[in-house]
Amino acid sequence: MRNMVILIALLTFSCELIPGRVNPKSPPLPEPIKLEFTYQNSITLSGWVRFMNHSTGIEKFEWNFGFQDQDGKDVISNAGAPKIRFPYNGTYYVTLSGEAKNGNSLSIRELVIVNNY
């Protein structure tokens, strides 16, 4: 009888240890939430910079490129991975803000060096 109890216990616990099996009662893992980007100065077009967005879990984006247009308004974009022409060589603080699917807001600010004029 004792051997049967041990065998039943082993069978019960072994179902959880089989690789690739998912417990149907487990909730899905949440998607990680992060804001991250890189950029690249164009080699052929003066002033143009391409931004590569490596964010995850974000639904809405807003980029602020750290300079103003002729009317004095901040130059912004809501594109996921924008291309933008900066007015001249220099350093700019680019801010990427995002809203996650769960409603949380995140923001990062990175220094971007434009050197292709």
N, C-alpha and C. Protein backbone atom coordinates (compact mmCIF):
# COMPACT_ATOMS: atom_id res chain seq x y z
N MET A 1 0.83 -1.19 0.00
CA MET A 1 0.00 0.00 0.00
C MET A 1 0.88 1.26 0.00
N ARG A 2 1.94 1.24 0.77
CA ARG A 2 2.83 2.40 0.85
C ARG A 2 3.46 2.68 -0.52
N ASN A 3 3.87 1.62 -1.24
CA ASN A 3 4.45 1.79 -2.58
C ASN A 3 3.45 2.42 -3.53
N MET A 4 2.18 2.08 -3.40
CA MET A 4 1.15 2.64 -4.26
C MET A 4 0.96 4.13 -3.98
N VAL A 5 1.01 4.55 -2.74
CA VAL A 5 0.88 5.95 -2.37
C VAL A 5 2.05 6.75 -2.93
N ILE A 6 3.26 6.18 -2.84
CA ILE A 6 4.44 6.86 -3.39
C ILE A 6 4.31 6.96 -4.90
N LEU A 7 3.85 5.92 -5.57
CA LEU A 7 3.69 5.93 -7.02
C LEU A 7 2.66 6.98 -7.43
N ILE A 8 1.56 7.07 -6.73
CA ILE A 8 0.53 8.07 -7.04
C ILE A 8 1.10 9.47 -6.82
N ALA A 9 1.85 9.67 -5.75
CA ALA A 9 2.46 10.96 -5.48
C ALA A 9 3.44 11.32 -6.58
N LEU A 10 4.26 10.38 -7.02
CA LEU A 10 5.21 10.64 -8.09
C LEU A 10 4.50 10.99 -9.39
N LEU A 11 3.46 10.28 -9.72
CA LEU A 11 2.70 10.57 -10.94
C LEU A 11 2.06 11.95 -10.88
N THR A 12 1.54 12.32 -9.71
CA THR A 12 0.91 13.62 -9.55
C THR A 12 1.92 14.74 -9.73
N PHE A 13 3.09 14.62 -9.11
CA PHE A 13 4.09 15.68 -9.19
C PHE A 13 4.81 15.68 -10.52
N SER A 14 4.94 14.54 -11.19
CA SER A 14 5.69 14.49 -12.43
C SER A 14 4.98 15.24 -13.56
N CYS A 15 3.68 15.41 -13.49
CA CYS A 15 2.96 16.15 -14.52
C CYS A 15 3.41 17.61 -14.56
N GLU A 16 3.81 18.14 -13.44
CA GLU A 16 4.27 19.53 -13.39
C GLU A 16 5.69 19.69 -13.87
N LEU A 17 6.45 18.59 -13.95
CA LEU A 17 7.86 18.67 -14.27
C LEU A 17 8.16 18.36 -15.72
N ILE A 18 7.18 17.95 -16.51
CA ILE A 18 7.42 17.60 -17.91
C ILE A 18 7.67 18.88 -18.70
N PRO A 19 8.84 18.99 -19.35
CA PRO A 19 9.14 20.20 -20.12
C PRO A 19 8.12 20.42 -21.23
N GLY A 20 7.78 21.67 -21.46
CA GLY A 20 6.85 22.01 -22.53
C GLY A 20 5.40 21.97 -22.13
N ARG A 21 5.11 21.45 -20.97
CA ARG A 21 3.73 21.40 -20.52
C ARG A 21 3.38 22.70 -19.81
N VAL A 22 2.21 23.21 -20.08
CA VAL A 22 1.76 24.44 -19.45
C VAL A 22 0.59 24.11 -18.54
N ASN A 23 0.66 24.61 -17.35
CA ASN A 23 -0.45 24.43 -16.43
C ASN A 23 -1.60 25.31 -16.92
N PRO A 24 -2.74 24.74 -17.29
CA PRO A 24 -3.83 25.55 -17.85
C PRO A 24 -4.39 26.57 -16.87
N LYS A 25 -4.11 26.44 -15.59
CA LYS A 25 -4.63 27.38 -14.61
C LYS A 25 -3.72 28.59 -14.45
N SER A 26 -2.49 28.54 -14.99
CA SER A 26 -1.55 29.65 -14.84
C SER A 26 -1.96 30.80 -15.75
N PRO A 27 -1.96 32.03 -15.22
CA PRO A 27 -2.27 33.17 -16.08
C PRO A 27 -1.11 33.44 -17.04
N PRO A 28 -1.38 34.03 -18.20
CA PRO A 28 -0.29 34.32 -19.13
C PRO A 28 0.68 35.33 -18.52
N LEU A 29 1.94 35.18 -18.87
CA LEU A 29 2.95 36.11 -18.37
C LEU A 29 2.75 37.48 -19.02
N PRO A 30 2.86 38.56 -18.26
CA PRO A 30 2.69 39.89 -18.85
C PRO A 30 3.88 40.22 -19.75
N GLU A 31 3.59 40.99 -20.80
CA GLU A 31 4.64 41.43 -21.71
C GLU A 31 5.51 42.44 -20.96
N PRO A 32 6.84 42.32 -21.08
CA PRO A 32 7.69 43.30 -20.39
C PRO A 32 7.46 44.70 -20.95
N ILE A 33 7.55 45.70 -20.07
CA ILE A 33 7.33 47.08 -20.47
C ILE A 33 8.66 47.81 -20.37
N LYS A 34 9.12 48.36 -21.50
CA LYS A 34 10.35 49.14 -21.48
C LYS A 34 10.36 50.11 -22.65
N LEU A 35 11.03 51.22 -22.44
CA LEU A 35 11.28 52.20 -23.49
C LEU A 35 12.77 52.17 -23.79
N GLU A 36 13.08 52.04 -25.06
CA GLU A 36 14.48 52.00 -25.47
C GLU A 36 14.57 52.36 -26.94
N PHE A 37 15.59 53.17 -27.30
CA PHE A 37 15.80 53.48 -28.71
C PHE A 37 17.28 53.69 -28.99
N THR A 38 17.62 53.53 -30.26
CA THR A 38 18.93 53.88 -30.77
C THR A 38 18.71 54.80 -31.96
N TYR A 39 19.79 55.37 -32.48
CA TYR A 39 19.64 56.28 -33.62
C TYR A 39 20.85 56.15 -34.53
N GLN A 40 20.68 56.63 -35.77
CA GLN A 40 21.76 56.60 -36.73
C GLN A 40 21.69 57.85 -37.60
N ASN A 41 22.81 58.56 -37.68
CA ASN A 41 22.90 59.71 -38.59
C ASN A 41 22.94 59.19 -40.03
N SER A 42 22.25 59.86 -40.92
CA SER A 42 22.27 59.49 -42.33
C SER A 42 23.66 59.76 -42.91
N ILE A 43 24.10 58.89 -43.80
CA ILE A 43 25.40 59.12 -44.44
C ILE A 43 25.22 59.96 -45.70
N THR A 44 24.03 59.96 -46.27
CA THR A 44 23.82 60.64 -47.55
C THR A 44 22.98 61.91 -47.46
N LEU A 45 22.15 62.06 -46.43
CA LEU A 45 21.25 63.21 -46.33
C LEU A 45 21.63 64.07 -45.11
N SER A 46 22.07 65.28 -45.36
CA SER A 46 22.51 66.18 -44.28
C SER A 46 21.41 66.44 -43.27
N GLY A 47 21.74 66.28 -42.01
CA GLY A 47 20.82 66.60 -40.92
C GLY A 47 19.82 65.53 -40.57
N TRP A 48 19.65 64.52 -41.42
CA TRP A 48 18.64 63.49 -41.16
C TRP A 48 19.17 62.43 -40.20
N VAL A 49 18.29 62.04 -39.28
CA VAL A 49 18.61 61.00 -38.29
C VAL A 49 17.45 60.01 -38.27
N ARG A 50 17.79 58.73 -38.26
CA ARG A 50 16.78 57.67 -38.19
C ARG A 50 16.80 57.09 -36.77
N PHE A 51 15.62 56.97 -36.18
CA PHE A 51 15.48 56.41 -34.83
C PHE A 51 14.93 55.00 -34.92
N MET A 52 15.56 54.07 -34.20
CA MET A 52 15.10 52.69 -34.13
C MET A 52 14.52 52.47 -32.73
N ASN A 53 13.28 52.08 -32.71
CA ASN A 53 12.56 51.91 -31.45
C ASN A 53 12.65 50.45 -31.01
N HIS A 54 13.19 50.21 -29.83
CA HIS A 54 13.34 48.86 -29.29
C HIS A 54 12.44 48.67 -28.06
N SER A 55 11.38 49.45 -27.96
CA SER A 55 10.47 49.39 -26.81
C SER A 55 9.59 48.15 -26.90
N THR A 56 9.11 47.70 -25.75
CA THR A 56 8.16 46.58 -25.70
C THR A 56 7.03 46.94 -24.74
N GLY A 57 5.84 46.42 -25.05
CA GLY A 57 4.67 46.63 -24.18
C GLY A 57 4.10 48.03 -24.24
N ILE A 58 4.47 48.82 -25.24
CA ILE A 58 4.02 50.21 -25.35
C ILE A 58 3.06 50.35 -26.53
N GLU A 59 1.95 51.06 -26.31
CA GLU A 59 0.95 51.26 -27.36
C GLU A 59 1.08 52.60 -28.07
N LYS A 60 1.35 53.66 -27.32
CA LYS A 60 1.39 55.01 -27.88
C LYS A 60 2.76 55.62 -27.60
N PHE A 61 3.27 56.34 -28.61
CA PHE A 61 4.58 56.96 -28.49
C PHE A 61 4.49 58.46 -28.73
N GLU A 62 5.39 59.20 -28.07
CA GLU A 62 5.58 60.61 -28.39
C GLU A 62 7.07 60.91 -28.26
N TRP A 63 7.64 61.39 -29.36
CA TRP A 63 9.04 61.79 -29.41
C TRP A 63 9.11 63.30 -29.36
N ASN A 64 9.99 63.83 -28.53
CA ASN A 64 10.30 65.26 -28.52
C ASN A 64 11.80 65.34 -28.83
N PHE A 65 12.14 66.01 -29.94
CA PHE A 65 13.50 65.97 -30.47
C PHE A 65 14.44 67.04 -29.91
N GLY A 66 13.96 67.86 -29.00
CA GLY A 66 14.85 68.78 -28.31
C GLY A 66 15.16 70.07 -29.05
N PHE A 67 14.34 70.42 -30.04
CA PHE A 67 14.47 71.71 -30.70
C PHE A 67 13.09 72.18 -31.15
N GLN A 68 12.99 73.45 -31.52
CA GLN A 68 11.71 74.04 -31.91
C GLN A 68 11.70 74.36 -33.42
N ASP A 69 10.50 74.42 -33.97
CA ASP A 69 10.34 74.83 -35.37
C ASP A 69 10.37 76.36 -35.47
N GLN A 70 10.09 76.89 -36.67
CA GLN A 70 10.14 78.34 -36.88
C GLN A 70 9.13 79.10 -36.04
N ASP A 71 8.05 78.43 -35.63
CA ASP A 71 7.02 79.08 -34.81
C ASP A 71 7.30 78.95 -33.31
N GLY A 72 8.43 78.36 -32.96
CA GLY A 72 8.77 78.21 -31.54
C GLY A 72 8.10 77.02 -30.87
N LYS A 73 7.51 76.10 -31.65
CA LYS A 73 6.86 74.92 -31.07
C LYS A 73 7.84 73.75 -31.07
N ASP A 74 7.76 72.93 -30.02
CA ASP A 74 8.60 71.74 -29.95
C ASP A 74 8.33 70.84 -31.15
N VAL A 75 9.38 70.29 -31.73
CA VAL A 75 9.24 69.34 -32.82
C VAL A 75 9.01 67.97 -32.20
N ILE A 76 7.83 67.38 -32.48
CA ILE A 76 7.44 66.09 -31.91
C ILE A 76 6.96 65.16 -33.01
N SER A 77 6.87 63.88 -32.67
CA SER A 77 6.34 62.87 -33.58
C SER A 77 5.66 61.79 -32.75
N ASN A 78 4.63 61.18 -33.31
CA ASN A 78 3.95 60.05 -32.67
C ASN A 78 4.24 58.74 -33.39
N ALA A 79 5.17 58.78 -34.35
CA ALA A 79 5.54 57.57 -35.08
C ALA A 79 6.29 56.61 -34.16
N GLY A 80 6.23 55.35 -34.49
CA GLY A 80 6.97 54.36 -33.70
C GLY A 80 8.47 54.48 -33.86
N ALA A 81 8.91 54.73 -35.10
CA ALA A 81 10.35 54.84 -35.39
C ALA A 81 10.54 55.94 -36.43
N PRO A 82 10.59 57.19 -36.00
CA PRO A 82 10.63 58.31 -36.95
C PRO A 82 12.00 58.58 -37.58
N LYS A 83 11.95 59.29 -38.70
CA LYS A 83 13.14 59.88 -39.32
C LYS A 83 12.90 61.38 -39.25
N ILE A 84 13.90 62.13 -38.84
CA ILE A 84 13.72 63.56 -38.62
C ILE A 84 14.97 64.31 -39.08
N ARG A 85 14.76 65.54 -39.59
CA ARG A 85 15.89 66.38 -39.98
C ARG A 85 16.11 67.43 -38.90
N PHE A 86 17.30 67.40 -38.32
CA PHE A 86 17.68 68.38 -37.30
C PHE A 86 18.20 69.63 -37.99
N PRO A 87 18.08 70.80 -37.34
CA PRO A 87 18.44 72.06 -38.01
C PRO A 87 19.94 72.26 -38.22
N TYR A 88 20.78 71.65 -37.38
CA TYR A 88 22.23 71.82 -37.52
C TYR A 88 22.95 70.77 -36.67
N ASN A 89 24.23 70.61 -36.90
CA ASN A 89 25.03 69.70 -36.08
C ASN A 89 24.96 70.15 -34.63
N GLY A 90 25.04 69.20 -33.73
CA GLY A 90 25.06 69.52 -32.32
C GLY A 90 24.53 68.38 -31.48
N THR A 91 24.34 68.65 -30.21
CA THR A 91 23.79 67.67 -29.29
C THR A 91 22.36 68.07 -28.92
N TYR A 92 21.50 67.10 -28.87
CA TYR A 92 20.08 67.31 -28.57
C TYR A 92 19.65 66.28 -27.54
N TYR A 93 18.81 66.71 -26.61
CA TYR A 93 18.20 65.77 -25.68
C TYR A 93 16.87 65.34 -26.28
N VAL A 94 16.80 64.07 -26.68
CA VAL A 94 15.58 63.52 -27.27
C VAL A 94 14.84 62.75 -26.19
N THR A 95 13.55 63.06 -26.05
CA THR A 95 12.71 62.39 -25.05
C THR A 95 11.71 61.50 -25.76
N LEU A 96 11.65 60.25 -25.35
CA LEU A 96 10.65 59.31 -25.84
C LEU A 96 9.72 58.99 -24.68
N SER A 97 8.44 59.28 -24.86
CA SER A 97 7.42 58.96 -23.86
C SER A 97 6.50 57.90 -24.45
N GLY A 98 5.99 57.04 -23.61
CA GLY A 98 5.10 56.00 -24.08
C GLY A 98 4.05 55.65 -23.06
N GLU A 99 2.95 55.13 -23.59
CA GLU A 99 1.87 54.65 -22.72
C GLU A 99 1.75 53.15 -22.92
N ALA A 100 1.86 52.41 -21.82
CA ALA A 100 1.78 50.96 -21.87
C ALA A 100 0.33 50.50 -21.99
N LYS A 101 0.17 49.25 -22.37
CA LYS A 101 -1.18 48.68 -22.52
C LYS A 101 -1.95 48.69 -21.21
N ASN A 102 -1.23 48.66 -20.09
CA ASN A 102 -1.90 48.68 -18.78
C ASN A 102 -2.21 50.10 -18.30
N GLY A 103 -1.90 51.12 -19.13
CA GLY A 103 -2.20 52.50 -18.78
C GLY A 103 -1.06 53.26 -18.14
N ASN A 104 0.02 52.58 -17.76
CA ASN A 104 1.17 53.26 -17.16
C ASN A 104 1.91 54.08 -18.21
N SER A 105 2.47 55.20 -17.79
CA SER A 105 3.25 56.05 -18.69
C SER A 105 4.72 55.98 -18.30
N LEU A 106 5.57 55.96 -19.31
CA LEU A 106 7.02 55.91 -19.11
C LEU A 106 7.66 57.00 -19.97
N SER A 107 8.86 57.40 -19.60
CA SER A 107 9.58 58.41 -20.37
C SER A 107 11.08 58.21 -20.18
N ILE A 108 11.83 58.36 -21.27
CA ILE A 108 13.28 58.33 -21.19
C ILE A 108 13.84 59.52 -21.98
N ARG A 109 15.00 59.97 -21.58
CA ARG A 109 15.65 61.11 -22.24
C ARG A 109 17.09 60.71 -22.54
N GLU A 110 17.48 60.81 -23.82
CA GLU A 110 18.81 60.41 -24.23
C GLU A 110 19.47 61.54 -25.01
N LEU A 111 20.77 61.62 -24.92
CA LEU A 111 21.55 62.59 -25.67
C LEU A 111 21.80 62.04 -27.07
N VAL A 112 21.46 62.84 -28.09
CA VAL A 112 21.65 62.45 -29.48
C VAL A 112 22.63 63.44 -30.10
N ILE A 113 23.65 62.92 -30.77
CA ILE A 113 24.65 63.76 -31.42
C ILE A 113 24.42 63.74 -32.92
N VAL A 114 24.13 64.91 -33.48
CA VAL A 114 23.94 65.05 -34.93
C VAL A 114 25.25 65.60 -35.48
N ASN A 115 25.85 64.86 -36.43
CA ASN A 115 27.15 65.28 -36.96
C ASN A 115 27.29 64.97 -38.45
N ASN A 116 26.22 65.19 -39.20
CA ASN A 116 26.27 64.84 -40.61
C ASN A 116 25.98 65.99 -41.55
N TYR A 117 26.25 67.24 -41.13
CA TYR A 117 26.11 68.39 -42.03
C TYR A 117 27.42 68.64 -42.73
